[in-house]
């Protein structure tokens, strides 16, 4: 007698991944919506991400250290551990509605998924091209002044083995220039769901843990190294707690 598919986790994961991949062309709606407005495109992308997580058998949990919610002013949300492509489905669901995400150009060129994240207000940068990266941060600074929060990875790219990559100074400099609070966060379980090089998603839970906000008002450019060091301490603490 054949076993139920639930007793074959690898097969179930593969089938769920194929189902979600088959829905990728639906993101064309989000891309087309960009012709009307970024907000409409982002709304379409958010709805697709919710459906994709359900199809993949993923549960999303959010933990806060900031009381009832975010500070009233726009914030710089800093991901401390970028380790899985599946995180692209999580970002739009956990950050405030009025936000923009800084993404690498390589990801923005991913068919449908990268296109949709860009269409919903992603700021694409070429991290290897210093001048282009500076221009991207300048646009992010303008968005903060316009009342929108910014989401950014401090590592700048996915880790292949789950270990932290050297932290970049861009997020700290962005917050220092605008006086925006820094809200570091970590994603637990993302790499377990889709490790580097894997072809199918493993169902389970992903937890977004938002750490206590770090105020930057009164600090200056000279404080950037100390601020990055503080973020590294937070990352080490949170990852050790989850180990």
Protein backbone atom coordinates (compact mmCIF):
# COMPACT_ATOMS: atom_id res chain seq x y z
CA UNK A 1 0.00 0.00 0.00
CA UNK A 2 1.36 3.42 -1.01
CA UNK A 3 2.22 5.81 1.79
CA UNK A 4 0.43 9.19 1.99
CA UNK A 5 2.40 12.00 0.39
CA UNK A 6 2.82 13.60 3.83
CA UNK A 7 5.08 10.69 4.76
CA UNK A 8 7.44 11.61 1.90
CA UNK A 9 8.67 15.07 2.95
CA UNK A 10 11.15 15.43 0.08
CA UNK A 11 8.51 14.57 -2.53
CA UNK A 12 5.98 16.82 -0.82
CA UNK A 13 8.51 19.69 -0.77
CA UNK A 14 9.28 19.20 -4.45
CA UNK A 15 5.59 19.19 -5.42
CA UNK A 16 4.91 22.30 -3.34
CA UNK A 17 7.89 24.06 -4.94
CA UNK A 18 6.70 23.15 -8.43
CA UNK A 19 3.24 24.50 -7.57
CA UNK A 20 4.67 27.81 -6.34
CA UNK A 21 6.99 28.05 -9.35
CA UNK A 22 4.03 27.49 -11.68
CA UNK A 23 2.40 30.54 -10.11
CA UNK A 24 5.40 32.80 -10.79
CA UNK A 25 3.93 34.17 -14.05
CA UNK A 26 1.10 35.62 -11.97
CA UNK A 27 3.67 38.15 -10.77
CA UNK A 28 3.34 39.68 -14.19
CA UNK A 29 0.27 41.38 -12.74
CA UNK A 30 2.46 43.14 -10.17
CA UNK A 31 4.93 44.15 -12.86
CA UNK A 32 2.14 45.54 -15.06
CA UNK A 33 0.62 47.35 -12.08
CA UNK A 34 3.85 49.39 -11.84
CA UNK A 35 2.58 51.27 -14.89
CA UNK A 36 -0.19 52.62 -12.64
CA UNK A 37 1.63 53.01 -9.32
CA UNK A 38 4.28 51.43 -7.11
CA UNK A 39 1.74 50.98 -4.33
CA UNK A 40 -0.58 48.97 -6.57
CA UNK A 41 2.34 46.82 -7.72
CA UNK A 42 3.44 46.25 -4.15
CA UNK A 43 -0.10 45.25 -3.09
CA UNK A 44 -0.21 42.65 -5.88
CA UNK A 45 3.22 41.33 -4.84
CA UNK A 46 2.21 41.08 -1.17
CA UNK A 47 -0.90 39.04 -2.06
CA UNK A 48 1.18 36.71 -4.22
CA UNK A 49 3.73 36.21 -1.41
CA UNK A 50 0.96 35.19 1.00
CA UNK A 51 -0.36 32.64 -1.49
CA UNK A 52 3.15 31.34 -2.21
CA UNK A 53 3.94 30.80 1.47
CA UNK A 54 0.71 28.87 1.87
CA UNK A 55 1.44 26.74 -1.19
CA UNK A 56 4.95 26.00 0.11
CA UNK A 57 3.67 24.95 3.51
CA UNK A 58 5.46 27.79 5.32
CA UNK A 59 4.23 29.46 8.48
CA UNK A 60 5.42 32.97 9.28
CA UNK A 61 5.77 34.17 12.87
CA UNK A 62 6.76 37.70 13.95
CA UNK A 63 8.39 38.55 17.29
CA UNK A 64 8.85 42.10 18.56
CA UNK A 65 11.08 43.75 21.13
CA UNK A 66 9.53 47.14 20.40
CA UNK A 67 6.32 47.00 22.41
CA UNK A 68 3.18 47.53 20.38
CA UNK A 69 4.86 48.42 17.11
CA UNK A 70 7.35 50.55 15.25
CA UNK A 71 8.45 54.08 16.11
CA UNK A 72 6.21 56.73 14.58
CA UNK A 73 8.92 58.02 12.23
CA UNK A 74 10.34 56.14 9.20
CA UNK A 75 12.96 53.54 10.15
CA UNK A 76 15.86 51.67 8.60
CA UNK A 77 15.10 47.95 8.97
CA UNK A 78 18.35 45.97 8.85
CA UNK A 79 18.41 42.24 8.15
CA UNK A 80 21.36 40.80 10.05
CA UNK A 81 21.45 37.29 8.55
CA UNK A 82 20.72 36.91 4.84
CA UNK A 83 20.88 33.19 4.09
CA UNK A 84 18.06 32.07 1.78
CA UNK A 85 16.26 33.06 -1.39
CA UNK A 86 12.97 32.32 0.39
CA UNK A 87 13.48 35.57 2.33
CA UNK A 88 12.25 37.44 -0.75
CA UNK A 89 8.74 36.17 0.04
CA UNK A 90 9.00 37.25 3.67
CA UNK A 91 10.22 40.85 3.41
CA UNK A 92 6.99 42.30 1.94
CA UNK A 93 4.91 40.65 4.67
CA UNK A 94 6.83 41.78 7.75
CA UNK A 95 7.86 45.37 7.02
CA UNK A 96 5.54 48.42 7.28
CA UNK A 97 3.28 49.09 4.33
CA UNK A 98 5.14 52.30 3.44
CA UNK A 99 8.63 50.98 2.82
CA UNK A 100 11.18 50.52 0.06
CA UNK A 101 13.66 47.64 -0.12
CA UNK A 102 17.24 47.93 -1.35
CA UNK A 103 17.99 44.93 -3.58
CA UNK A 104 20.98 43.82 -5.63
CA UNK A 105 20.67 44.19 -9.38
CA UNK A 106 21.36 40.46 -9.77
CA UNK A 107 18.22 39.71 -7.80
CA UNK A 108 16.17 42.42 -9.53
CA UNK A 109 16.88 40.58 -12.81
CA UNK A 110 15.39 37.29 -11.55
CA UNK A 111 12.41 36.56 -13.82
CA UNK A 112 9.11 37.52 -12.19
CA UNK A 113 10.25 37.40 -8.54
CA UNK A 114 12.99 40.01 -8.84
CA UNK A 115 10.97 42.04 -11.32
CA UNK A 116 7.98 42.15 -8.96
CA UNK A 117 10.04 43.23 -5.97
CA UNK A 118 11.52 46.05 -8.06
CA UNK A 119 8.08 46.98 -9.41
CA UNK A 120 6.76 47.29 -5.85
CA UNK A 121 9.32 49.94 -5.01
CA UNK A 122 12.61 48.07 -4.77
CA UNK A 123 15.75 50.17 -5.15
CA UNK A 124 18.14 48.14 -7.30
CA UNK A 125 21.86 48.75 -6.84
CA UNK A 126 25.07 47.28 -8.26
CA UNK A 127 27.00 46.68 -5.03
CA UNK A 128 30.28 46.08 -6.91
CA UNK A 129 29.96 49.54 -8.52
CA UNK A 130 30.66 51.96 -5.69
CA UNK A 131 29.24 55.04 -7.41
CA UNK A 132 26.00 53.26 -8.30
CA UNK A 133 25.68 51.95 -4.74
CA UNK A 134 26.12 55.50 -3.40
CA UNK A 135 23.40 56.75 -5.75
CA UNK A 136 21.09 54.00 -4.52
CA UNK A 137 21.67 55.00 -0.91
CA UNK A 138 21.01 58.62 -1.85
CA UNK A 139 17.64 57.60 -3.26
CA UNK A 140 16.92 55.62 -0.10
CA UNK A 141 17.78 58.72 1.93
CA UNK A 142 15.28 60.73 -0.11
CA UNK A 143 12.62 58.07 0.50
CA UNK A 144 13.22 58.28 4.26
CA UNK A 145 12.78 62.06 4.14
CA UNK A 146 9.55 61.45 2.18
CA UNK A 147 8.18 59.32 5.01
CA UNK A 148 8.96 55.79 3.80
CA UNK A 149 10.95 53.23 5.76
CA UNK A 150 13.84 51.34 4.17
CA UNK A 151 14.63 47.63 4.31
CA UNK A 152 18.22 46.56 3.68
CA UNK A 153 20.53 43.61 4.29
CA UNK A 154 23.73 44.54 6.11
CA UNK A 155 25.63 41.63 4.55
CA UNK A 156 24.70 42.62 1.01
CA UNK A 157 24.30 39.06 -0.25
CA UNK A 158 23.21 35.59 0.80
CA UNK A 159 25.52 33.45 2.90
CA UNK A 160 26.30 30.06 1.36
CA UNK A 161 26.87 28.27 4.67
CA UNK A 162 24.74 30.26 7.14
CA UNK A 163 27.72 32.03 8.72
CA UNK A 164 27.62 35.80 8.85
CA UNK A 165 29.44 37.69 6.11
CA UNK A 166 31.34 40.92 6.90
CA UNK A 167 28.88 43.71 7.69
CA UNK A 168 28.65 46.68 5.33
CA UNK A 169 28.50 50.25 6.62
CA UNK A 170 25.74 51.42 4.26
CA UNK A 171 22.77 50.83 6.59
CA UNK A 172 24.50 52.61 9.48
CA UNK A 173 25.49 55.57 7.29
CA UNK A 174 21.95 55.81 5.91
CA UNK A 175 20.47 55.96 9.40
CA UNK A 176 23.07 58.44 10.64
CA UNK A 177 22.49 60.81 7.72
CA UNK A 178 18.74 60.88 8.26
CA UNK A 179 18.49 60.41 12.03
CA UNK A 180 16.18 57.44 11.40
CA UNK A 181 15.98 54.70 14.04
CA UNK A 182 17.71 51.44 13.15
CA UNK A 183 15.63 48.32 13.72
CA UNK A 184 17.77 45.19 13.36
CA UNK A 185 16.02 41.91 12.71
CA UNK A 186 16.93 38.29 12.12
CA UNK A 187 15.12 35.54 10.24
CA UNK A 188 15.18 32.18 11.99
CA UNK A 189 14.41 29.08 9.94
CA UNK A 190 14.74 30.60 6.46
CA UNK A 191 17.93 28.73 5.60
CA UNK A 192 16.46 25.49 6.95
CA UNK A 193 13.52 25.94 4.58
CA UNK A 194 15.66 26.64 1.49
CA UNK A 195 19.45 26.29 1.87
CA UNK A 196 21.86 27.60 -0.75
CA UNK A 197 21.76 25.31 -3.80
CA UNK A 198 18.56 23.48 -2.81
CA UNK A 199 15.92 22.98 -5.51
CA UNK A 200 12.88 22.43 -3.29
CA UNK A 201 11.49 24.18 -0.23
CA UNK A 202 11.07 22.31 3.06
CA UNK A 203 7.80 23.17 4.78
CA UNK A 204 7.96 24.61 8.29
CA UNK A 205 8.18 27.82 10.26
CA UNK A 206 10.10 31.03 9.61
CA UNK A 207 10.36 33.49 12.48
CA UNK A 208 11.12 37.16 11.99
CA UNK A 209 12.55 38.55 15.22
CA UNK A 210 12.68 42.35 15.41
CA UNK A 211 15.21 43.54 17.97
CA UNK A 212 15.00 46.72 20.00
CA UNK A 213 15.26 49.92 17.96
CA UNK A 214 18.57 51.80 18.04
CA UNK A 215 18.22 55.58 18.05
CA UNK A 216 20.66 57.51 15.87
CA UNK A 217 19.62 61.11 16.53
CA UNK A 218 22.54 63.03 18.00
CA UNK A 219 25.06 60.69 16.39
CA UNK A 220 27.26 61.56 13.43
CA UNK A 221 29.21 59.98 10.60
CA UNK A 222 32.14 59.33 12.93
CA UNK A 223 29.92 56.90 14.88
CA UNK A 224 29.40 54.56 11.92
CA UNK A 225 31.98 51.95 12.97
CA UNK A 226 30.66 51.79 16.52
CA UNK A 227 27.12 51.43 15.18
CA UNK A 228 28.12 48.56 12.88
CA UNK A 229 29.91 46.89 15.81
CA UNK A 230 26.75 47.21 17.89
CA UNK A 231 24.71 45.57 15.13
CA UNK A 232 27.24 42.74 14.99
CA UNK A 233 26.82 42.20 18.73
CA UNK A 234 23.04 42.02 18.30
CA UNK A 235 23.44 39.50 15.47
CA UNK A 236 25.78 37.28 17.49
CA UNK A 237 23.42 37.37 20.46
CA UNK A 238 20.31 36.52 18.47
CA UNK A 239 21.91 33.73 16.46
CA UNK A 240 23.42 32.21 19.60
CA UNK A 241 20.01 32.34 21.27
CA UNK A 242 18.45 30.39 18.42
CA UNK A 243 21.25 27.81 18.21
